[in-house]
Amino acid sequence: MRFKELLEEPVSSSWIDDLTFVEFEDGTTGVQMTTRGGRSYFIDGVSEHDYNRWMRAMSKGKHWWSDIKYFY
C-alpha cells in the first residue's frame, strides 16, 4: 500500500525516539512509533488530530499510556 501523506517531526522523549503520522491512499491512518530501544510499532487508526495532540504533549510516553495505548 502506498503512502498518501507522511508527517514526521523530531521527538523529545526519554522513551520514544520517533513518531511519524501516515495516511494511506485508501484514507486509513496511523502512527509509526520507534522507541529509543529500537523497537518499532505501527498504531493503526490514529487520526491526524490525535497525532498532533501527542506531538504537543509535555511527555510523549505519558501520553502514550494515557491516551493512545488502550484506545487504538
PDB file of N, CA and C in Angstrom:
ATOM      1  N   MET A   1       0.845  -1.176   0.000  1.00  0.00           N
ATOM      2  CA  MET A   1       0.000   0.000   0.000  1.00  0.00           C
ATOM      3  C   MET A   1       0.888   1.236   0.000  1.00  0.00           C
ATOM      4  N   ARG A   2       0.501   2.241  -0.729  1.00  0.00           N
ATOM      5  CA  ARG A   2       1.312   3.444  -0.847  1.00  0.00           C
ATOM      6  C   ARG A   2       0.866   4.512   0.134  1.00  0.00           C
ATOM      7  N   PHE A   3       1.824   5.360   0.522  1.00  0.00           N
ATOM      8  CA  PHE A   3       1.545   6.463   1.422  1.00  0.00           C
ATOM      9  C   PHE A   3       0.925   7.612   0.659  1.00  0.00           C
ATOM     10  N   LYS A   4      -0.076   8.230   1.252  1.00  0.00           N
ATOM     11  CA  LYS A   4      -0.642   9.446   0.688  1.00  0.00           C
ATOM     12  C   LYS A   4       0.001  10.658   1.359  1.00  0.00           C
ATOM     13  N   GLU A   5       0.182  10.569   2.655  1.00  0.00           N
ATOM     14  CA  GLU A   5       0.708  11.690   3.429  1.00  0.00           C
ATOM     15  C   GLU A   5       1.606  11.153   4.525  1.00  0.00           C
ATOM     16  N   LEU A   6       2.646  11.907   4.832  1.00  0.00           N
ATOM     17  CA  LEU A   6       3.583  11.481   5.853  1.00  0.00           C
ATOM     18  C   LEU A   6       4.041  12.715   6.618  1.00  0.00           C
ATOM     19  N   LEU A   7       3.819  12.730   7.924  1.00  0.00           N
ATOM     20  CA  LEU A   7       4.275  13.824   8.783  1.00  0.00           C
ATOM     21  C   LEU A   7       5.262  13.259   9.782  1.00  0.00           C
ATOM     22  N   GLU A   8       6.468  13.783   9.761  1.00  0.00           N
ATOM     23  CA  GLU A   8       7.483  13.320  10.696  1.00  0.00           C
ATOM     24  C   GLU A   8       8.110  14.544  11.346  1.00  0.00           C
ATOM     25  N   GLU A   9       8.144  14.527  12.670  1.00  0.00           N
ATOM     26  CA  GLU A   9       8.717  15.636  13.427  1.00  0.00           C
ATOM     27  C   GLU A   9       9.655  15.078  14.489  1.00  0.00           C
ATOM     28  N   PRO A  10      10.681  15.848  14.836  1.00  0.00           N
ATOM     29  CA  PRO A  10      11.573  15.398  15.910  1.00  0.00           C
ATOM     30  C   PRO A  10      10.797  15.234  17.216  1.00  0.00           C
ATOM     31  N   VAL A  11      11.191  14.248  18.005  1.00  0.00           N
ATOM     32  CA  VAL A  11      10.527  13.970  19.272  1.00  0.00           C
ATOM     33  C   VAL A  11      11.540  14.087  20.402  1.00  0.00           C
ATOM     34  N   SER A  12      11.159  14.819  21.429  1.00  0.00           N
ATOM     35  CA  SER A  12      11.995  14.927  22.616  1.00  0.00           C
ATOM     36  C   SER A  12      11.366  14.063  23.697  1.00  0.00           C
ATOM     37  N   SER A  13      11.936  12.881  23.892  1.00  0.00           N
ATOM     38  CA  SER A  13      11.378  11.937  24.853  1.00  0.00           C
ATOM     39  C   SER A  13      12.483  11.010  25.331  1.00  0.00           C
ATOM     40  N   SER A  14      12.386  10.573  26.568  1.00  0.00           N
ATOM     41  CA  SER A  14      13.380   9.633  27.095  1.00  0.00           C
ATOM     42  C   SER A  14      13.079   8.203  26.643  1.00  0.00           C
ATOM     43  N   TRP A  15      11.876   7.946  26.155  1.00  0.00           N
ATOM     44  CA  TRP A  15      11.466   6.598  25.779  1.00  0.00           C
ATOM     45  C   TRP A  15      11.180   6.464  24.277  1.00  0.00           C
ATOM     46  N   ILE A  16      10.583   7.508  23.664  1.00  0.00           N
ATOM     47  CA  ILE A  16      10.196   7.453  22.255  1.00  0.00           C
ATOM     48  C   ILE A  16      11.211   8.226  21.419  1.00  0.00           C
ATOM     49  N   ASP A  17      11.708   7.575  20.379  1.00  0.00           N
ATOM     50  CA  ASP A  17      12.700   8.191  19.501  1.00  0.00           C
ATOM     51  C   ASP A  17      12.051   8.914  18.330  1.00  0.00           C
ATOM     52  N   ASP A  18      10.952   8.350  17.803  1.00  0.00           N
ATOM     53  CA  ASP A  18      10.362   8.911  16.594  1.00  0.00           C
ATOM     54  C   ASP A  18       8.873   8.598  16.537  1.00  0.00           C
ATOM     55  N   LEU A  19       8.086   9.590  16.098  1.00  0.00           N
ATOM     56  CA  LEU A  19       6.665   9.420  15.814  1.00  0.00           C
ATOM     57  C   LEU A  19       6.405   9.947  14.411  1.00  0.00           C
ATOM     58  N   THR A  20       5.820   9.111  13.571  1.00  0.00           N
ATOM     59  CA  THR A  20       5.538   9.501  12.199  1.00  0.00           C
ATOM     60  C   THR A  20       4.078   9.207  11.880  1.00  0.00           C
ATOM     61  N   PHE A  21       3.342  10.241  11.458  1.00  0.00           N
ATOM     62  CA  PHE A  21       1.947  10.077  11.055  1.00  0.00           C
ATOM     63  C   PHE A  21       1.903   9.645   9.602  1.00  0.00           C
ATOM     64  N   VAL A  22       1.056   8.646   9.316  1.00  0.00           N
ATOM     65  CA  VAL A  22       0.941   8.118   7.960  1.00  0.00           C
ATOM     66  C   VAL A  22      -0.529   8.088   7.549  1.00  0.00           C
ATOM     67  N   GLU A  23      -0.813   8.600   6.342  1.00  0.00           N
ATOM     68  CA  GLU A  23      -2.135   8.429   5.748  1.00  0.00           C
ATOM     69  C   GLU A  23      -1.942   7.697   4.428  1.00  0.00           C
ATOM     70  N   PHE A  24      -2.633   6.586   4.276  1.00  0.00           N
ATOM     71  CA  PHE A  24      -2.517   5.776   3.077  1.00  0.00           C
ATOM     72  C   PHE A  24      -3.490   6.256   2.011  1.00  0.00           C
ATOM     73  N   GLU A  25      -3.280   5.828   0.786  1.00  0.00           N
ATOM     74  CA  GLU A  25      -4.128   6.236  -0.330  1.00  0.00           C
ATOM     75  C   GLU A  25      -5.592   5.878  -0.124  1.00  0.00           C
ATOM     76  N   ASP A  26      -5.866   4.815   0.633  1.00  0.00           N
ATOM     77  CA  ASP A  26      -7.258   4.418   0.871  1.00  0.00           C
ATOM     78  C   ASP A  26      -7.911   5.201   2.005  1.00  0.00           C
ATOM     79  N   GLY A  27      -7.182   6.165   2.596  1.00  0.00           N
ATOM     80  CA  GLY A  27      -7.726   7.017   3.646  1.00  0.00           C
ATOM     81  C   GLY A  27      -7.472   6.532   5.063  1.00  0.00           C
ATOM     82  N   THR A  28      -6.956   5.313   5.236  1.00  0.00           N
ATOM     83  CA  THR A  28      -6.640   4.849   6.585  1.00  0.00           C
ATOM     84  C   THR A  28      -5.412   5.582   7.107  1.00  0.00           C
ATOM     85  N   THR A  29      -5.336   5.722   8.417  1.00  0.00           N
ATOM     86  CA  THR A  29      -4.243   6.465   9.034  1.00  0.00           C
ATOM     87  C   THR A  29      -3.631   5.670  10.178  1.00  0.00           C
ATOM     88  N   GLY A  30      -2.506   6.149  10.650  1.00  0.00           N
ATOM     89  CA  GLY A  30      -1.851   5.543  11.798  1.00  0.00           C
ATOM     90  C   GLY A  30      -0.563   6.264  12.112  1.00  0.00           C
ATOM     91  N   VAL A  31       0.116   5.781  13.135  1.00  0.00           N
ATOM     92  CA  VAL A  31       1.390   6.375  13.565  1.00  0.00           C
ATOM     93  C   VAL A  31       2.424   5.267  13.696  1.00  0.00           C
ATOM     94  N   GLN A  32       3.583   5.510  13.113  1.00  0.00           N
ATOM     95  CA  GLN A  32       4.738   4.634  13.289  1.00  0.00           C
ATOM     96  C   GLN A  32       5.521   5.187  14.475  1.00  0.00           C
ATOM     97  N   MET A  33       5.676   4.382  15.526  1.00  0.00           N
ATOM     98  CA  MET A  33       6.396   4.797  16.721  1.00  0.00           C
ATOM     99  C   MET A  33       7.645   3.939  16.860  1.00  0.00           C
ATOM    100  N   THR A  34       8.786   4.580  17.056  1.00  0.00           N
ATOM    101  CA  THR A  34      10.040   3.876  17.298  1.00  0.00           C
ATOM    102  C   THR A  34      10.548   4.282  18.666  1.00  0.00           C
ATOM    103  N   THR A  35      10.878   3.289  19.491  1.00  0.00           N
ATOM    104  CA  THR A  35      11.376   3.576  20.827  1.00  0.00           C
ATOM    105  C   THR A  35      12.896   3.761  20.794  1.00  0.00           C
ATOM    106  N   ARG A  36      13.430   4.325  21.849  1.00  0.00           N
ATOM    107  CA  ARG A  36      14.891   4.504  21.960  1.00  0.00           C
ATOM    108  C   ARG A  36      15.612   3.164  21.961  1.00  0.00           C
ATOM    109  N   GLY A  37      14.916   2.099  22.380  1.00  0.00           N
ATOM    110  CA  GLY A  37      15.489   0.760  22.383  1.00  0.00           C
ATOM    111  C   GLY A  37      15.509   0.112  21.009  1.00  0.00           C
ATOM    112  N   GLY A  38      14.929   0.795  20.000  1.00  0.00           N
ATOM    113  CA  GLY A  38      14.958   0.299  18.636  1.00  0.00           C
ATOM    114  C   GLY A  38      13.726  -0.464  18.189  1.00  0.00           C
ATOM    115  N   ARG A  39      12.764  -0.682  19.088  1.00  0.00           N
ATOM    116  CA  ARG A  39      11.532  -1.367  18.679  1.00  0.00           C
ATOM    117  C   ARG A  39      10.643  -0.404  17.902  1.00  0.00           C
ATOM    118  N   SER A  40       9.966  -0.948  16.921  1.00  0.00           N
ATOM    119  CA  SER A  40       9.101  -0.140  16.072  1.00  0.00           C
ATOM    120  C   SER A  40       7.691  -0.710  16.100  1.00  0.00           C
ATOM    121  N   TYR A  41       6.701   0.171  16.222  1.00  0.00           N
ATOM    122  CA  TYR A  41       5.305  -0.223  16.300  1.00  0.00           C
ATOM    123  C   TYR A  41       4.486   0.635  15.347  1.00  0.00           C
ATOM    124  N   PHE A  42       3.465   0.039  14.727  1.00  0.00           N
ATOM    125  CA  PHE A  42       2.511   0.814  13.944  1.00  0.00           C
ATOM    126  C   PHE A  42       1.194   0.802  14.694  1.00  0.00           C
ATOM    127  N   ILE A  43       0.699   1.993  15.044  1.00  0.00           N
ATOM    128  CA  ILE A  43      -0.554   2.119  15.772  1.00  0.00           C
ATOM    129  C   ILE A  43      -1.619   2.518  14.746  1.00  0.00           C
ATOM    130  N   ASP A  44      -2.439   1.572  14.372  1.00  0.00           N
ATOM    131  CA  ASP A  44      -3.440   1.737  13.329  1.00  0.00           C
ATOM    132  C   ASP A  44      -4.597   2.599  13.809  1.00  0.00           C
ATOM    133  N   GLY A  45      -5.059   3.514  12.945  1.00  0.00           N
ATOM    134  CA  GLY A  45      -6.263   4.282  13.219  1.00  0.00           C
ATOM    135  C   GLY A  45      -6.061   5.604  13.927  1.00  0.00           C
ATOM    136  N   VAL A  46      -4.862   5.948  14.320  1.00  0.00           N
ATOM    137  CA  VAL A  46      -4.621   7.231  14.989  1.00  0.00           C
ATOM    138  C   VAL A  46      -4.879   8.351  13.982  1.00  0.00           C
ATOM    139  N   SER A  47      -5.752   9.279  14.345  1.00  0.00           N
ATOM    140  CA  SER A  47      -6.084  10.392  13.450  1.00  0.00           C
ATOM    141  C   SER A  47      -4.969  11.444  13.472  1.00  0.00           C
ATOM    142  N   GLU A  48      -4.986  12.308  12.487  1.00  0.00           N
ATOM    143  CA  GLU A  48      -4.002  13.395  12.454  1.00  0.00           C
ATOM    144  C   GLU A  48      -4.190  14.311  13.657  1.00  0.00           C
ATOM    145  N   HIS A  49      -5.437  14.517  14.067  1.00  0.00           N
ATOM    146  CA  HIS A  49      -5.719  15.335  15.250  1.00  0.00           C
ATOM    147  C   HIS A  49      -5.063  14.731  16.503  1.00  0.00           C
ATOM    148  N   ASP A  50      -5.233  13.407  16.687  1.00  0.00           N
ATOM    149  CA  ASP A  50      -4.637  12.754  17.858  1.00  0.00           C
ATOM    150  C   ASP A  50      -3.113  12.721  17.766  1.00  0.00           C
ATOM    151  N   TYR A  51      -2.579  12.580  16.560  1.00  0.00           N
ATOM    152  CA  TYR A  51      -1.123  12.655  16.367  1.00  0.00           C
ATOM    153  C   TYR A  51      -0.618  14.035  16.802  1.00  0.00           C
ATOM    154  N   ASN A  52      -1.307  15.091  16.380  1.00  0.00           N
ATOM    155  CA  ASN A  52      -0.890  16.449  16.744  1.00  0.00           C
ATOM    156  C   ASN A  52      -0.980  16.673  18.245  1.00  0.00           C
ATOM    157  N   ARG A  53      -2.001  16.127  18.903  1.00  0.00           N
ATOM    158  CA  ARG A  53      -2.106  16.217  20.373  1.00  0.00           C
ATOM    159  C   ARG A  53      -0.925  15.504  21.020  1.00  0.00           C
ATOM    160  N   TRP A  54      -0.564  14.332  20.486  1.00  0.00           N
ATOM    161  CA  TRP A  54       0.561  13.554  21.001  1.00  0.00           C
ATOM    162  C   TRP A  54       1.851  14.351  20.862  1.00  0.00           C
ATOM    163  N   MET A  55       2.026  14.993  19.712  1.00  0.00           N
ATOM    164  CA  MET A  55       3.247  15.762  19.481  1.00  0.00           C
ATOM    165  C   MET A  55       3.342  16.984  20.409  1.00  0.00           C
ATOM    166  N   ARG A  56       2.186  17.541  20.808  1.00  0.00           N
ATOM    167  CA  ARG A  56       2.177  18.706  21.708  1.00  0.00           C
ATOM    168  C   ARG A  56       2.280  18.317  23.178  1.00  0.00           C
ATOM    169  N   ALA A  57       2.100  17.043  23.496  1.00  0.00           N
ATOM    170  CA  ALA A  57       2.117  16.586  24.892  1.00  0.00           C
ATOM    171  C   ALA A  57       3.483  16.849  25.529  1.00  0.00           C
ATOM    172  N   MET A  58       3.466  17.269  26.772  1.00  0.00           N
ATOM    173  CA  MET A  58       4.714  17.519  27.501  1.00  0.00           C
ATOM    174  C   MET A  58       5.530  16.239  27.612  1.00  0.00           C
ATOM    175  N   SER A  59       4.861  15.115  27.859  1.00  0.00           N
ATOM    176  CA  SER A  59       5.530  13.823  27.951  1.00  0.00           C
ATOM    177  C   SER A  59       4.910  12.884  26.912  1.00  0.00           C
ATOM    178  N   LYS A  60       5.675  12.541  25.894  1.00  0.00           N
ATOM    179  CA  LYS A  60       5.180  11.649  24.835  1.00  0.00           C
ATOM    180  C   LYS A  60       4.868  10.264  25.393  1.00  0.00           C
ATOM    181  N   GLY A  61       5.687   9.773  26.331  1.00  0.00           N
ATOM    182  CA  GLY A  61       5.467   8.472  26.936  1.00  0.00           C
ATOM    183  C   GLY A  61       4.208   8.431  27.786  1.00  0.00           C
ATOM    184  N   LYS A  62       3.988   9.447  28.607  1.00  0.00           N
ATOM    185  CA  LYS A  62       2.780   9.500  29.435  1.00  0.00           C
ATOM    186  C   LYS A  62       1.540   9.600  28.557  1.00  0.00           C
ATOM    187  N   HIS A  63       1.638  10.374  27.478  1.00  0.00           N
ATOM    188  CA  HIS A  63       0.503  10.498  26.560  1.00  0.00           C
ATOM    189  C   HIS A  63       0.205   9.144  25.914  1.00  0.00           C
ATOM    190  N   TRP A  64       1.249   8.385  25.563  1.00  0.00           N
ATOM    191  CA  TRP A  64       1.069   7.039  25.014  1.00  0.00           C
ATOM    192  C   TRP A  64       0.231   6.196  25.970  1.00  0.00           C
ATOM    193  N   TRP A  65       0.632   6.173  27.241  1.00  0.00           N
ATOM    194  CA  TRP A  65      -0.051   5.327  28.223  1.00  0.00           C
ATOM    195  C   TRP A  65      -1.464   5.819  28.543  1.00  0.00           C
ATOM    196  N   SER A  66      -1.693   7.125  28.579  1.00  0.00           N
ATOM    197  CA  SER A  66      -2.998   7.637  28.990  1.00  0.00           C
ATOM    198  C   SER A  66      -3.983   7.838  27.843  1.00  0.00           C
ATOM    199  N   ASP A  67      -3.504   8.086  26.636  1.00  0.00           N
ATOM    200  CA  ASP A  67      -4.412   8.461  25.553  1.00  0.00           C
ATOM    201  C   ASP A  67      -4.312   7.648  24.262  1.00  0.00           C
ATOM    202  N   ILE A  68      -3.315   6.795  24.139  1.00  0.00           N
ATOM    203  CA  ILE A  68      -3.134   6.066  22.884  1.00  0.00           C
ATOM    204  C   ILE A  68      -3.222   4.551  23.082  1.00  0.00           C
ATOM    205  N   LYS A  69      -2.410   3.995  23.957  1.00  0.00           N
ATOM    206  CA  LYS A  69      -2.242   2.552  24.057  1.00  0.00           C
ATOM    207  C   LYS A  69      -3.538   1.759  24.157  1.00  0.00           C
ATOM    208  N   TYR A  70      -4.439   2.159  25.019  1.00  0.00           N
ATOM    209  CA  TYR A  70      -5.651   1.378  25.243  1.00  0.00           C
ATOM    210  C   TYR A  70      -6.839   1.831  24.384  1.00  0.00           C
ATOM    211  N   PHE A  71      -6.602   2.802  23.512  1.00  0.00           N
ATOM    212  CA  PHE A  71      -7.681   3.325  22.677  1.00  0.00           C
ATOM    213  C   PHE A  71      -7.530   2.956  21.207  1.00  0.00           C
ATOM    214  N   TYR A  72      -6.333   2.502  20.826  1.00  0.00           N
ATOM    215  CA  TYR A  72      -6.088   2.135  19.425  1.00  0.00           C
ATOM    216  C   TYR A  72      -5.582   0.717  19.325  1.00  0.00           C
TER     217      TYR A  72
END
